Amino acid sequence: MRQSGTEERSESKSMADFVISSPLVKSFLAGSLSGTCSTLLFQPLDLLKTRLQQPHVHGETSRVGMLKHVAYVVKNERVFGLWKGTVPSIVRCVPGVGLYFCTLHFLKTSLHLDNPSSSEAMFLGASARAISGVVLLPVTVIKTRFESEVYHYRTMSEATRDIYRTSGLRGLYSGLVPTLVRDAPYSGIYLVFYVQAKRFVPESVKEGTHLVAANFTCG
């Protein structure tokens, strides 16, 4: 038993050392954690956006403002109805954001762009977002349908089977081009502003206790 416990501690230490020593793994885990927090916090807004973009679902409620739509959802689906679609969102965002940061780090190190110019930052951000967007698009399609009131899916697997049965593999990648045209430039521009903003941050702040606040402000 003692030997087994020692082996378990040794394996845990080896795993921790691997995570600490691997920048790609740290980038993925950091992105995944931030994706989880932002998803749980902003899922109600994502749900409302999806519902409000479907004017054919409710004749009257679709024409009212966001606050009245919140009241409608709470009345008919209770408070937790605002978090409908959280599971698909987490399935998309956790690996999605993690993959984005992991890809971004890989591209920066592979191309030796630790201090990228504006054009290089644009390329890095757009490329990383395009790669993660293509990989995670099927989950995005499922998430959007899951939040919608047009489709009454109970589980993600049911939604996946229905999409594949009616539209095939193509259905899981519907909207690929518009998604890339929207998201890739946005991520590129965002990274440009982030990189440029960080250059105005004093070195004393970067090395001090206000580093998190500085990064948050730049982002």
Foldseek 3Di string as FASTA:
>chain_A
DVVVVVVVVVVVVVVVVVCVPDPLNVLLQVQLVVLLVVLVVCQLVVLLVLALVDCVPDVPLNPDDSVVVQVVQCVVPNNCLSNFLSVLSSVLRNRLRSQLRSQLVVVCVVVVPPQPALVVLLVSQLVSNLVSCQVRQLSVLLSSLRSYPVDPDDDSVVSVVVQCVVPNPVSSCPPSVVVSVPRSNVRSNLSSQLSVQVVPDDPCCCPDPNVVVSSVVSD
